[in-house]
Amino acid sequence: ASENSSRLAAMQAAEKNIEDRLGELRTR
């Protein structure tokens, strides 16, 4: 359960980074 909590937090951070990157790419 703790492992999946850590993975969930890591995926949330990754999702935000990807969304930021997508916004930058779409603007370009």
PDB file of all heavy atoms in Angstrom:
ATOM      1  N   ALA A   1       0.834  -1.200   0.000  1.00  0.00           N
ATOM      2  CA  ALA A   1       0.000   0.000   0.000  1.00  0.00           C
ATOM      3  C   ALA A   1       0.871   1.254   0.000  1.00  0.00           C
ATOM      4  O   ALA A   1       0.602   2.223  -0.726  1.00  0.00           O
ATOM      5  CB  ALA A   1      -0.925  -0.007   1.213  1.00  0.00           C
ATOM      6  N   SER A   2       1.951   1.234   0.787  1.00  0.00           N
ATOM      7  CA  SER A   2       2.873   2.373   0.826  1.00  0.00           C
ATOM      8  C   SER A   2       3.588   2.538  -0.505  1.00  0.00           C
ATOM      9  O   SER A   2       3.795   3.665  -0.984  1.00  0.00           O
ATOM     10  CB  SER A   2       3.901   2.170   1.945  1.00  0.00           C
ATOM     11  OG  SER A   2       3.286   2.032   3.197  1.00  0.00           O
ATOM     12  N   GLU A   3       3.970   1.411  -1.113  1.00  0.00           N
ATOM     13  CA  GLU A   3       4.631   1.460  -2.415  1.00  0.00           C
ATOM     14  C   GLU A   3       3.743   2.116  -3.455  1.00  0.00           C
ATOM     15  O   GLU A   3       4.197   2.974  -4.237  1.00  0.00           O
ATOM     16  CB  GLU A   3       4.994   0.044  -2.856  1.00  0.00           C
ATOM     17  CG  GLU A   3       5.584  -0.051  -4.251  1.00  0.00           C
ATOM     18  CD  GLU A   3       5.762  -1.488  -4.723  1.00  0.00           C
ATOM     19  OE1 GLU A   3       5.821  -2.394  -3.867  1.00  0.00           O
ATOM     20  OE2 GLU A   3       5.842  -1.696  -5.945  1.00  0.00           O
ATOM     21  N   ASN A   4       2.473   1.749  -3.469  1.00  0.00           N
ATOM     22  CA  ASN A   4       1.561   2.338  -4.446  1.00  0.00           C
ATOM     23  C   ASN A   4       1.249   3.797  -4.128  1.00  0.00           C
ATOM     24  O   ASN A   4       1.010   4.585  -5.040  1.00  0.00           O
ATOM     25  CB  ASN A   4       0.277   1.510  -4.523  1.00  0.00           C
ATOM     26  CG  ASN A   4       0.440   0.261  -5.369  1.00  0.00           C
ATOM     27  OD1 ASN A   4       0.389   0.311  -6.589  1.00  0.00           O
ATOM     28  ND2 ASN A   4       0.665  -0.873  -4.718  1.00  0.00           N
ATOM     29  N   SER A   5       1.286   4.160  -2.846  1.00  0.00           N
ATOM     30  CA  SER A   5       1.141   5.579  -2.493  1.00  0.00           C
ATOM     31  C   SER A   5       2.319   6.376  -3.029  1.00  0.00           C
ATOM     32  O   SER A   5       2.151   7.483  -3.568  1.00  0.00           O
ATOM     33  CB  SER A   5       1.048   5.731  -0.968  1.00  0.00           C
ATOM     34  OG  SER A   5      -0.133   5.150  -0.466  1.00  0.00           O
ATOM     35  N   SER A   6       3.528   5.814  -2.892  1.00  0.00           N
ATOM     36  CA  SER A   6       4.718   6.475  -3.416  1.00  0.00           C
ATOM     37  C   SER A   6       4.664   6.546  -4.941  1.00  0.00           C
ATOM     38  O   SER A   6       5.013   7.574  -5.544  1.00  0.00           O
ATOM     39  CB  SER A   6       5.971   5.715  -2.966  1.00  0.00           C
ATOM     40  OG  SER A   6       7.138   6.370  -3.396  1.00  0.00           O
ATOM     41  N   ARG A   7       4.204   5.469  -5.577  1.00  0.00           N
ATOM     42  CA  ARG A   7       4.098   5.469  -7.036  1.00  0.00           C
ATOM     43  C   ARG A   7       3.047   6.478  -7.504  1.00  0.00           C
ATOM     44  O   ARG A   7       3.225   7.164  -8.518  1.00  0.00           O
ATOM     45  CB  ARG A   7       3.761   4.064  -7.523  1.00  0.00           C
ATOM     46  CG  ARG A   7       3.676   3.955  -9.040  1.00  0.00           C
ATOM     47  CD  ARG A   7       3.528   2.515  -9.498  1.00  0.00           C
ATOM     48  NE  ARG A   7       4.742   1.756  -9.258  1.00  0.00           N
ATOM     49  CZ  ARG A   7       4.832   0.730  -8.404  1.00  0.00           C
ATOM     50  NH1 ARG A   7       3.766   0.355  -7.700  1.00  0.00           N
ATOM     51  NH2 ARG A   7       5.964   0.094  -8.244  1.00  0.00           N
ATOM     52  N   LEU A   8       1.943   6.560  -6.773  1.00  0.00           N
ATOM     53  CA  LEU A   8       0.889   7.523  -7.121  1.00  0.00           C
ATOM     54  C   LEU A   8       1.428   8.956  -7.055  1.00  0.00           C
ATOM     55  O   LEU A   8       1.173   9.768  -7.949  1.00  0.00           O
ATOM     56  CB  LEU A   8      -0.298   7.354  -6.171  1.00  0.00           C
ATOM     57  CG  LEU A   8      -1.502   8.271  -6.399  1.00  0.00           C
ATOM     58  CD1 LEU A   8      -2.086   8.065  -7.781  1.00  0.00           C
ATOM     59  CD2 LEU A   8      -2.562   8.023  -5.331  1.00  0.00           C
ATOM     60  N   ALA A   9       2.202   9.254  -5.994  1.00  0.00           N
ATOM     61  CA  ALA A   9       2.783  10.597  -5.875  1.00  0.00           C
ATOM     62  C   ALA A   9       3.769  10.859  -7.010  1.00  0.00           C
ATOM     63  O   ALA A   9       3.803  11.963  -7.578  1.00  0.00           O
ATOM     64  CB  ALA A   9       3.473  10.738  -4.523  1.00  0.00           C
ATOM     65  N   ALA A  10       4.569   9.837  -7.348  1.00  0.00           N
ATOM     66  CA  ALA A  10       5.533   9.999  -8.440  1.00  0.00           C
ATOM     67  C   ALA A  10       4.818  10.212  -9.770  1.00  0.00           C
ATOM     68  O   ALA A  10       5.237  11.038 -10.594  1.00  0.00           O
ATOM     69  CB  ALA A  10       6.443   8.777  -8.516  1.00  0.00           C
ATOM     70  N   MET A  11       3.713   9.497 -10.005  1.00  0.00           N
ATOM     71  CA  MET A  11       2.973   9.655 -11.244  1.00  0.00           C
ATOM     72  C   MET A  11       2.268  11.006 -11.312  1.00  0.00           C
ATOM     73  O   MET A  11       2.126  11.589 -12.389  1.00  0.00           O
ATOM     74  CB  MET A  11       1.947   8.517 -11.389  1.00  0.00           C
ATOM     75  CG  MET A  11       2.558   7.134 -11.619  1.00  0.00           C
ATOM     76  SD  MET A  11       3.614   7.058 -13.100  1.00  0.00           S
ATOM     77  CE  MET A  11       5.256   7.140 -12.342  1.00  0.00           C
ATOM     78  N   GLN A  12       1.812  11.508 -10.160  1.00  0.00           N
ATOM     79  CA  GLN A  12       1.188  12.830 -10.153  1.00  0.00           C
ATOM     80  C   GLN A  12       2.203  13.911 -10.535  1.00  0.00           C
ATOM     81  O   GLN A  12       1.887  14.828 -11.300  1.00  0.00           O
ATOM     82  CB  GLN A  12       0.585  13.107  -8.772  1.00  0.00           C
ATOM     83  CG  GLN A  12      -0.679  12.314  -8.493  1.00  0.00           C
ATOM     84  CD  GLN A  12      -1.148  12.434  -7.059  1.00  0.00           C
ATOM     85  OE1 GLN A  12      -0.365  12.745  -6.157  1.00  0.00           O
ATOM     86  NE2 GLN A  12      -2.424  12.187  -6.832  1.00  0.00           N
ATOM     87  N   ALA A  13       3.418  13.781 -10.004  1.00  0.00           N
ATOM     88  CA  ALA A  13       4.467  14.737 -10.365  1.00  0.00           C
ATOM     89  C   ALA A  13       4.837  14.604 -11.839  1.00  0.00           C
ATOM     90  O   ALA A  13       5.019  15.614 -12.540  1.00  0.00           O
ATOM     91  CB  ALA A  13       5.692  14.511  -9.485  1.00  0.00           C
ATOM     92  N   ALA A  14       4.918  13.359 -12.328  1.00  0.00           N
ATOM     93  CA  ALA A  14       5.243  13.142 -13.737  1.00  0.00           C
ATOM     94  C   ALA A  14       4.141  13.690 -14.639  1.00  0.00           C
ATOM     95  O   ALA A  14       4.414  14.275 -15.699  1.00  0.00           O
ATOM     96  CB  ALA A  14       5.445  11.647 -13.997  1.00  0.00           C
ATOM     97  N   GLU A  15       2.891  13.498 -14.231  1.00  0.00           N
ATOM     98  CA  GLU A  15       1.769  13.994 -15.031  1.00  0.00           C
ATOM     99  C   GLU A  15       1.830  15.515 -15.169  1.00  0.00           C
ATOM    100  O   GLU A  15       1.606  16.062 -16.253  1.00  0.00           O
ATOM    101  CB  GLU A  15       0.451  13.585 -14.374  1.00  0.00           C
ATOM    102  CG  GLU A  15      -0.784  13.974 -15.170  1.00  0.00           C
ATOM    103  CD  GLU A  15      -2.061  13.523 -14.505  1.00  0.00           C
ATOM    104  OE1 GLU A  15      -2.126  13.592 -13.258  1.00  0.00           O
ATOM    105  OE2 GLU A  15      -2.986  13.112 -15.217  1.00  0.00           O
ATOM    106  N   LYS A  16       2.143  16.202 -14.071  1.00  0.00           N
ATOM    107  CA  LYS A  16       2.245  17.661 -14.127  1.00  0.00           C
ATOM    108  C   LYS A  16       3.377  18.102 -15.060  1.00  0.00           C
ATOM    109  O   LYS A  16       3.219  19.037 -15.861  1.00  0.00           O
ATOM    110  CB  LYS A  16       2.477  18.227 -12.726  1.00  0.00           C
ATOM    111  CG  LYS A  16       2.489  19.758 -12.682  1.00  0.00           C
ATOM    112  CD  LYS A  16       2.694  20.260 -11.280  1.00  0.00           C
ATOM    113  CE  LYS A  16       2.626  21.792 -11.251  1.00  0.00           C
ATOM    114  NZ  LYS A  16       3.549  22.442 -12.187  1.00  0.00           N
ATOM    115  N   ASN A  17       4.524  17.412 -14.962  1.00  0.00           N
ATOM    116  CA  ASN A  17       5.647  17.752 -15.843  1.00  0.00           C
ATOM    117  C   ASN A  17       5.305  17.531 -17.308  1.00  0.00           C
ATOM    118  O   ASN A  17       5.667  18.336 -18.174  1.00  0.00           O
ATOM    119  CB  ASN A  17       6.881  16.931 -15.461  1.00  0.00           C
ATOM    120  CG  ASN A  17       7.449  17.327 -14.116  1.00  0.00           C
ATOM    121  OD1 ASN A  17       7.264  18.463 -13.671  1.00  0.00           O
ATOM    122  ND2 ASN A  17       8.137  16.412 -13.453  1.00  0.00           N
ATOM    123  N   ILE A  18       4.607  16.419 -17.581  1.00  0.00           N
ATOM    124  CA  ILE A  18       4.228  16.126 -18.966  1.00  0.00           C
ATOM    125  C   ILE A  18       3.230  17.160 -19.479  1.00  0.00           C
ATOM    126  O   ILE A  18       3.321  17.617 -20.628  1.00  0.00           O
ATOM    127  CB  ILE A  18       3.637  14.703 -19.066  1.00  0.00           C
ATOM    128  CG1 ILE A  18       4.721  13.666 -18.775  1.00  0.00           C
ATOM    129  CG2 ILE A  18       3.046  14.466 -20.449  1.00  0.00           C
ATOM    130  CD1 ILE A  18       4.194  12.260 -18.614  1.00  0.00           C
ATOM    131  N   GLU A  19       2.268  17.546 -18.633  1.00  0.00           N
ATOM    132  CA  GLU A  19       1.286  18.546 -19.060  1.00  0.00           C
ATOM    133  C   GLU A  19       1.962  19.886 -19.344  1.00  0.00           C
ATOM    134  O   GLU A  19       1.601  20.582 -20.305  1.00  0.00           O
ATOM    135  CB  GLU A  19       0.208  18.692 -17.983  1.00  0.00           C
ATOM    136  CG  GLU A  19      -0.731  17.492 -17.916  1.00  0.00           C
ATOM    137  CD  GLU A  19      -1.680  17.559 -16.731  1.00  0.00           C
ATOM    138  OE1 GLU A  19      -1.485  18.440 -15.864  1.00  0.00           O
ATOM    139  OE2 GLU A  19      -2.607  16.723 -16.664  1.00  0.00           O
ATOM    140  N   ASP A  20       2.946  20.246 -18.495  1.00  0.00           N
ATOM    141  CA  ASP A  20       3.688  21.483 -18.747  1.00  0.00           C
ATOM    142  C   ASP A  20       4.451  21.399 -20.080  1.00  0.00           C
ATOM    143  O   ASP A  20       4.477  22.356 -20.866  1.00  0.00           O
ATOM    144  CB  ASP A  20       4.666  21.754 -17.605  1.00  0.00           C
ATOM    145  CG  ASP A  20       3.962  22.109 -16.308  1.00  0.00           C
ATOM    146  OD1 ASP A  20       2.761  22.456 -16.362  1.00  0.00           O
ATOM    147  OD2 ASP A  20       4.602  22.026 -15.237  1.00  0.00           O
ATOM    148  N   ARG A  21       5.072  20.245 -20.313  1.00  0.00           N
ATOM    149  CA  ARG A  21       5.819  20.046 -21.554  1.00  0.00           C
ATOM    150  C   ARG A  21       4.889  20.075 -22.772  1.00  0.00           C
ATOM    151  O   ARG A  21       5.215  20.658 -23.813  1.00  0.00           O
ATOM    152  CB  ARG A  21       6.563  18.712 -21.477  1.00  0.00           C
ATOM    153  CG  ARG A  21       7.322  18.316 -22.736  1.00  0.00           C
ATOM    154  CD  ARG A  21       8.427  19.277 -23.050  1.00  0.00           C
ATOM    155  NE  ARG A  21       9.262  18.796 -24.151  1.00  0.00           N
ATOM    156  CZ  ARG A  21      10.117  19.551 -24.812  1.00  0.00           C
ATOM    157  NH1 ARG A  21      10.277  20.828 -24.475  1.00  0.00           N
ATOM    158  NH2 ARG A  21      10.835  19.035 -25.796  1.00  0.00           N
ATOM    159  N   LEU A  22       3.715  19.440 -22.624  1.00  0.00           N
ATOM    160  CA  LEU A  22       2.747  19.441 -23.725  1.00  0.00           C
ATOM    161  C   LEU A  22       2.286  20.861 -24.045  1.00  0.00           C
ATOM    162  O   LEU A  22       2.144  21.240 -25.224  1.00  0.00           O
ATOM    163  CB  LEU A  22       1.543  18.574 -23.354  1.00  0.00           C
ATOM    164  CG  LEU A  22       1.595  17.103 -23.743  1.00  0.00           C
ATOM    165  CD1 LEU A  22       0.421  16.351 -23.140  1.00  0.00           C
ATOM    166  CD2 LEU A  22       1.620  16.936 -25.254  1.00  0.00           C
ATOM    167  N   GLY A  23       2.042  21.655 -23.001  1.00  0.00           N
ATOM    168  CA  GLY A  23       1.635  23.037 -23.224  1.00  0.00           C
ATOM    169  C   GLY A  23       2.689  23.818 -23.987  1.00  0.00           C
ATOM    170  O   GLY A  23       2.368  24.591 -24.915  1.00  0.00           O
ATOM    171  N   GLU A  24       3.960  23.584 -23.608  1.00  0.00           N
ATOM    172  CA  GLU A  24       5.056  24.266 -24.294  1.00  0.00           C
ATOM    173  C   GLU A  24       5.155  23.829 -25.749  1.00  0.00           C
ATOM    174  O   GLU A  24       5.311  24.665 -26.662  1.00  0.00           O
ATOM    175  CB  GLU A  24       6.366  23.961 -23.564  1.00  0.00           C
ATOM    176  CG  GLU A  24       7.600  24.547 -24.225  1.00  0.00           C
ATOM    177  CD  GLU A  24       8.885  24.039 -23.591  1.00  0.00           C
ATOM    178  OE1 GLU A  24       8.830  23.506 -22.466  1.00  0.00           O
ATOM    179  OE2 GLU A  24       9.941  24.176 -24.252  1.00  0.00           O
ATOM    180  N   LEU A  25       5.058  22.509 -25.992  1.00  0.00           N
ATOM    181  CA  LEU A  25       5.149  21.998 -27.363  1.00  0.00           C
ATOM    182  C   LEU A  25       3.996  22.487 -28.230  1.00  0.00           C
ATOM    183  O   LEU A  25       4.190  22.840 -29.406  1.00  0.00           O
ATOM    184  CB  LEU A  25       5.186  20.467 -27.341  1.00  0.00           C
ATOM    185  CG  LEU A  25       6.473  19.802 -26.829  1.00  0.00           C
ATOM    186  CD1 LEU A  25       6.279  18.309 -26.675  1.00  0.00           C
ATOM    187  CD2 LEU A  25       7.638  20.089 -27.794  1.00  0.00           C
ATOM    188  N   ARG A  26       2.796  22.507 -27.668  1.00  0.00           N
ATOM    189  CA  ARG A  26       1.635  22.949 -28.450  1.00  0.00           C
ATOM    190  C   ARG A  26       1.737  24.433 -28.787  1.00  0.00           C
ATOM    191  O   ARG A  26       1.339  24.848 -29.884  1.00  0.00           O
ATOM    192  CB  ARG A  26       0.366  22.659 -27.667  1.00  0.00           C
ATOM    193  CG  ARG A  26      -0.026  21.184 -27.692  1.00  0.00           C
ATOM    194  CD  ARG A  26      -1.098  20.855 -26.689  1.00  0.00           C
ATOM    195  NE  ARG A  26      -1.477  19.453 -26.757  1.00  0.00           N
ATOM    196  CZ  ARG A  26      -2.102  18.812 -25.783  1.00  0.00           C
ATOM    197  NH1 ARG A  26      -2.420  19.453 -24.646  1.00  0.00           N
ATOM    198  NH2 ARG A  26      -2.414  17.535 -25.911  1.00  0.00           N
ATOM    199  N   THR A  27       2.273  25.225 -27.856  1.00  0.00           N
ATOM    200  CA  THR A  27       2.468  26.651 -28.144  1.00  0.00           C
ATOM    201  C   THR A  27       3.469  26.843 -29.281  1.00  0.00           C
ATOM    202  O   THR A  27       3.249  27.636 -30.214  1.00  0.00           O
ATOM    203  CB  THR A  27       2.955  27.372 -26.878  1.00  0.00           C
ATOM    204  OG1 THR A  27       1.967  27.239 -25.842  1.00  0.00           O
ATOM    205  CG2 THR A  27       3.191  28.849 -27.158  1.00  0.00           C
ATOM    206  N   ARG A  28       4.584  26.097 -29.211  1.00  0.00           N
ATOM    207  CA  ARG A  28       5.584  26.177 -30.273  1.00  0.00           C
ATOM    208  C   ARG A  28       5.028  25.695 -31.603  1.00  0.00           C
ATOM    209  O   ARG A  28       5.330  26.249 -32.676  1.00  0.00           O
ATOM    210  CB  ARG A  28       6.826  25.372 -29.872  1.00  0.00           C
ATOM    211  CG  ARG A  28       7.675  26.066 -28.813  1.00  0.00           C
ATOM    212  CD  ARG A  28       8.613  25.125 -28.121  1.00  0.00           C
ATOM    213  NE  ARG A  28       9.457  24.398 -29.065  1.00  0.00           N
ATOM    214  CZ  ARG A  28      10.265  23.389 -28.702  1.00  0.00           C
ATOM    215  NH1 ARG A  28      10.305  22.993 -27.437  1.00  0.00           N
ATOM    216  NH2 ARG A  28      11.020  22.785 -29.595  1.00  0.00           N
TER     217      ARG A  28
END
